[in-house]
Amino acid sequence: MLGGLVLLGCAVTQLGATAADIARANDQAAQGATTFARECAKCHGQRGEGLASAPALMGPGALPEYPRNSGGSGDPGFIDGQQLQIEAQARPAGAAWRDPFRNAQDLYSYTSTHMPQSHAGELKQGDYWAVLNFLLAAQGASLPAGGIGPANASSMPIPKR
C-alpha cells in the first residue's frame, strides 16, 4: 500500500515548468522558445524538467546557484564551499564542472561555452541570449524592455523556485 501511495505521489508531481510558465516565457521570449525546442529540449525535456543525466533548467529546484554534488555527504544538495573552491582551482580549462550561477551573466558564460553538449559553443550569440531569456522568464523573472543581454546580465539574478 505504501508503494502505491509513493507511485501516486510521483504521478502527480509536476517536473519542469508548468504550462503557464511556458506560455509566459513564450510571450516574453519567443525566439528563445524556438531555439530551446530545437537545441535544448532533446536533453533537458520540453518543460526543462531534465532527462537522463541532463539537469532541470526550469521549474522547482532548477538552475541552482551551486552545482549539485553527489559525493561526500550522500546528500546531493550538500554544498561544501571550501571543497568547491579547491575543485574550481584544480579544474582543467574547459572542464564541464561549473562555477556558481549567481546572475544571468554566469548562466550565459556557462551555456555559451559548454552547450549544446553535442556542439558546444556553436550557436549564435543571439541564440544563447534568447534561450537565457526564455529560461529566466519561465522561472518567473520579469524581463527588462529589450530583454537580458550583455549590458544588464550581471545585474539580473536567477529566480529561485
Protein backbone atom coordinates (compact mmCIF):
# COMPACT_ATOMS: atom_id res chain seq x y z
CA MET A 1 0.00 0.00 0.00
CA LEU A 2 2.84 2.38 0.86
CA GLY A 3 4.43 1.70 -2.54
CA GLY A 4 1.15 2.58 -4.26
CA LEU A 5 0.95 5.88 -2.39
CA VAL A 6 4.53 6.74 -3.36
CA LEU A 7 3.78 5.99 -7.02
CA LEU A 8 0.62 8.06 -6.85
CA GLY A 9 2.57 10.96 -5.35
CA CYS A 10 5.15 10.73 -8.12
CA ALA A 11 2.46 10.60 -10.77
CA VAL A 12 1.03 13.98 -9.77
CA THR A 13 4.32 15.79 -9.16
CA GLN A 14 4.96 18.29 -11.95
CA LEU A 15 8.57 18.33 -13.04
CA GLY A 16 9.90 21.27 -15.01
CA ALA A 17 7.93 24.34 -15.96
CA THR A 18 4.16 24.43 -15.83
CA ALA A 19 2.04 25.19 -18.90
CA ALA A 20 1.54 28.72 -17.52
CA ASP A 21 5.32 29.16 -17.08
CA ILE A 22 5.92 28.07 -20.67
CA ALA A 23 3.16 30.34 -22.00
CA ARG A 24 4.58 33.35 -20.11
CA ALA A 25 8.10 32.59 -21.38
CA ASN A 26 6.82 32.15 -24.96
CA ASP A 27 5.14 35.57 -24.76
CA GLN A 28 8.31 37.25 -23.48
CA ALA A 29 10.98 35.33 -25.42
CA ALA A 30 9.52 33.60 -28.49
CA GLN A 31 12.89 33.28 -30.25
CA GLY A 32 14.32 31.64 -27.13
CA ALA A 33 11.41 29.19 -27.02
CA THR A 34 12.10 28.17 -30.61
CA THR A 35 15.84 27.75 -30.02
CA PHE A 36 15.22 25.87 -26.76
CA ALA A 37 12.87 23.44 -28.54
CA ARG A 38 15.39 22.90 -31.35
CA GLU A 39 18.66 22.75 -29.37
CA CYS A 40 17.96 22.03 -25.70
CA ALA A 41 14.74 20.07 -25.23
CA LYS A 42 16.11 16.78 -26.57
CA CYS A 43 18.37 16.54 -23.47
CA HIS A 44 16.60 18.77 -20.94
CA GLY A 45 12.97 17.96 -21.82
CA GLN A 46 10.19 20.06 -23.36
CA ARG A 47 9.42 21.63 -19.96
CA GLY A 48 13.09 21.85 -18.92
CA GLU A 49 12.50 19.03 -16.42
CA GLY A 50 15.83 17.33 -17.12
CA LEU A 51 16.22 13.97 -18.82
CA ALA A 52 18.72 11.19 -18.04
CA SER A 53 21.89 12.96 -16.90
CA ALA A 54 20.85 16.44 -18.12
CA PRO A 55 19.77 18.67 -15.22
CA ALA A 56 16.49 20.53 -14.88
CA LEU A 57 16.56 24.03 -16.37
CA MET A 58 13.04 25.13 -15.46
CA GLY A 59 10.72 24.50 -12.57
CA PRO A 60 11.32 23.97 -8.85
CA GLY A 61 14.96 23.45 -7.96
CA ALA A 62 16.24 24.29 -11.45
CA LEU A 63 19.36 26.39 -12.04
CA PRO A 64 20.75 26.12 -8.50
CA GLU A 65 23.46 28.58 -7.57
CA TYR A 66 25.99 25.84 -6.89
CA PRO A 67 26.42 22.66 -8.92
CA ARG A 68 24.82 19.69 -7.30
CA ASN A 69 27.37 17.42 -5.71
CA SER A 70 26.51 13.75 -5.32
CA GLY A 71 29.74 12.94 -3.48
CA GLY A 72 30.74 13.35 0.13
CA SER A 73 27.78 13.50 2.46
CA GLY A 74 25.44 11.34 0.39
CA ASP A 75 23.10 14.32 0.11
CA PRO A 76 23.06 15.62 -3.49
CA GLY A 77 22.17 19.08 -2.19
CA PHE A 78 25.10 19.24 0.22
CA ILE A 79 27.46 22.12 -0.55
CA ASP A 80 30.92 22.45 0.95
CA GLY A 81 32.19 25.92 -0.01
CA GLN A 82 35.82 25.09 0.71
CA GLN A 83 35.62 21.91 -1.40
CA LEU A 84 34.05 23.88 -4.27
CA GLN A 85 36.93 26.36 -4.14
CA ILE A 86 39.50 23.55 -4.25
CA GLU A 87 37.71 21.90 -7.18
CA ALA A 88 37.50 25.21 -9.06
CA GLN A 89 41.23 25.85 -8.67
CA ALA A 90 42.12 22.30 -9.75
CA ARG A 91 39.67 22.17 -12.67
CA PRO A 92 41.30 21.93 -16.10
CA ALA A 93 40.43 24.64 -18.62
CA GLY A 94 37.25 23.79 -20.49
CA ALA A 95 36.06 21.19 -17.98
CA ALA A 96 32.27 21.00 -17.75
CA TRP A 97 32.12 21.48 -13.96
CA ARG A 98 30.66 24.91 -13.48
CA ASP A 99 31.12 27.99 -11.37
CA PRO A 100 28.15 29.27 -9.34
CA PHE A 101 25.12 30.68 -11.17
CA ARG A 102 24.53 33.95 -9.32
CA ASN A 103 23.17 36.00 -12.20
CA ALA A 104 22.25 35.82 -15.88
CA GLN A 105 25.84 36.56 -16.95
CA ASP A 106 27.10 33.49 -15.07
CA LEU A 107 24.47 31.35 -16.80
CA TYR A 108 25.32 32.84 -20.20
CA SER A 109 29.05 32.29 -19.68
CA TYR A 110 28.49 28.61 -18.95
CA THR A 111 25.92 27.86 -21.65
CA SER A 112 27.71 29.74 -24.42
CA THR A 113 30.87 27.72 -23.71
CA HIS A 114 29.50 24.25 -22.87
CA MET A 115 26.09 23.91 -24.54
CA PRO A 116 24.59 22.27 -26.50
CA GLN A 117 26.75 19.40 -25.44
CA SER A 118 26.86 17.83 -28.92
CA HIS A 119 28.19 21.06 -30.48
CA ALA A 120 29.21 23.31 -27.60
CA GLY A 121 29.70 26.99 -28.28
CA GLU A 122 28.48 26.75 -31.88
CA LEU A 123 25.18 28.63 -31.62
CA LYS A 124 24.99 32.30 -32.50
CA GLN A 125 25.46 34.68 -29.58
CA GLY A 126 21.90 35.92 -30.06
CA ASP A 127 20.55 32.38 -29.75
CA TYR A 128 22.27 31.89 -26.40
CA TRP A 129 20.81 35.16 -25.11
CA ALA A 130 17.36 34.23 -26.47
CA VAL A 131 17.39 30.86 -24.66
CA LEU A 132 18.58 32.51 -21.47
CA ASN A 133 15.67 34.99 -21.66
CA PHE A 134 13.24 32.12 -22.24
CA LEU A 135 14.61 30.11 -19.29
CA LEU A 136 14.56 33.02 -16.86
CA ALA A 137 11.07 34.12 -17.97
CA ALA A 138 9.86 30.55 -17.36
CA GLN A 139 11.42 30.73 -13.89
CA GLY A 140 9.40 33.88 -13.15
CA ALA A 141 11.87 36.68 -13.95
CA SER A 142 10.44 39.96 -15.14
CA LEU A 143 12.48 40.64 -18.25
CA PRO A 144 13.51 44.25 -18.83
CA ALA A 145 12.48 46.05 -22.02
CA GLY A 146 14.70 44.64 -24.75
CA GLY A 147 15.40 41.52 -22.70
CA ILE A 148 18.52 40.36 -20.91
CA GLY A 149 21.79 40.86 -22.75
CA PRO A 150 25.45 41.76 -22.21
CA ALA A 151 24.66 45.24 -20.86
CA ASN A 152 22.40 44.09 -17.99
CA ALA A 153 23.04 40.35 -17.42
CA SER A 154 25.31 40.85 -14.41
CA SER A 155 22.53 42.70 -12.58
CA MET A 156 19.83 40.09 -13.29
CA PRO A 157 19.58 37.45 -10.53
CA ILE A 158 18.40 33.95 -11.36
CA PRO A 159 14.93 33.42 -9.84
CA LYS A 160 14.73 30.62 -7.27
CA ARG A 161 11.61 28.47 -7.06
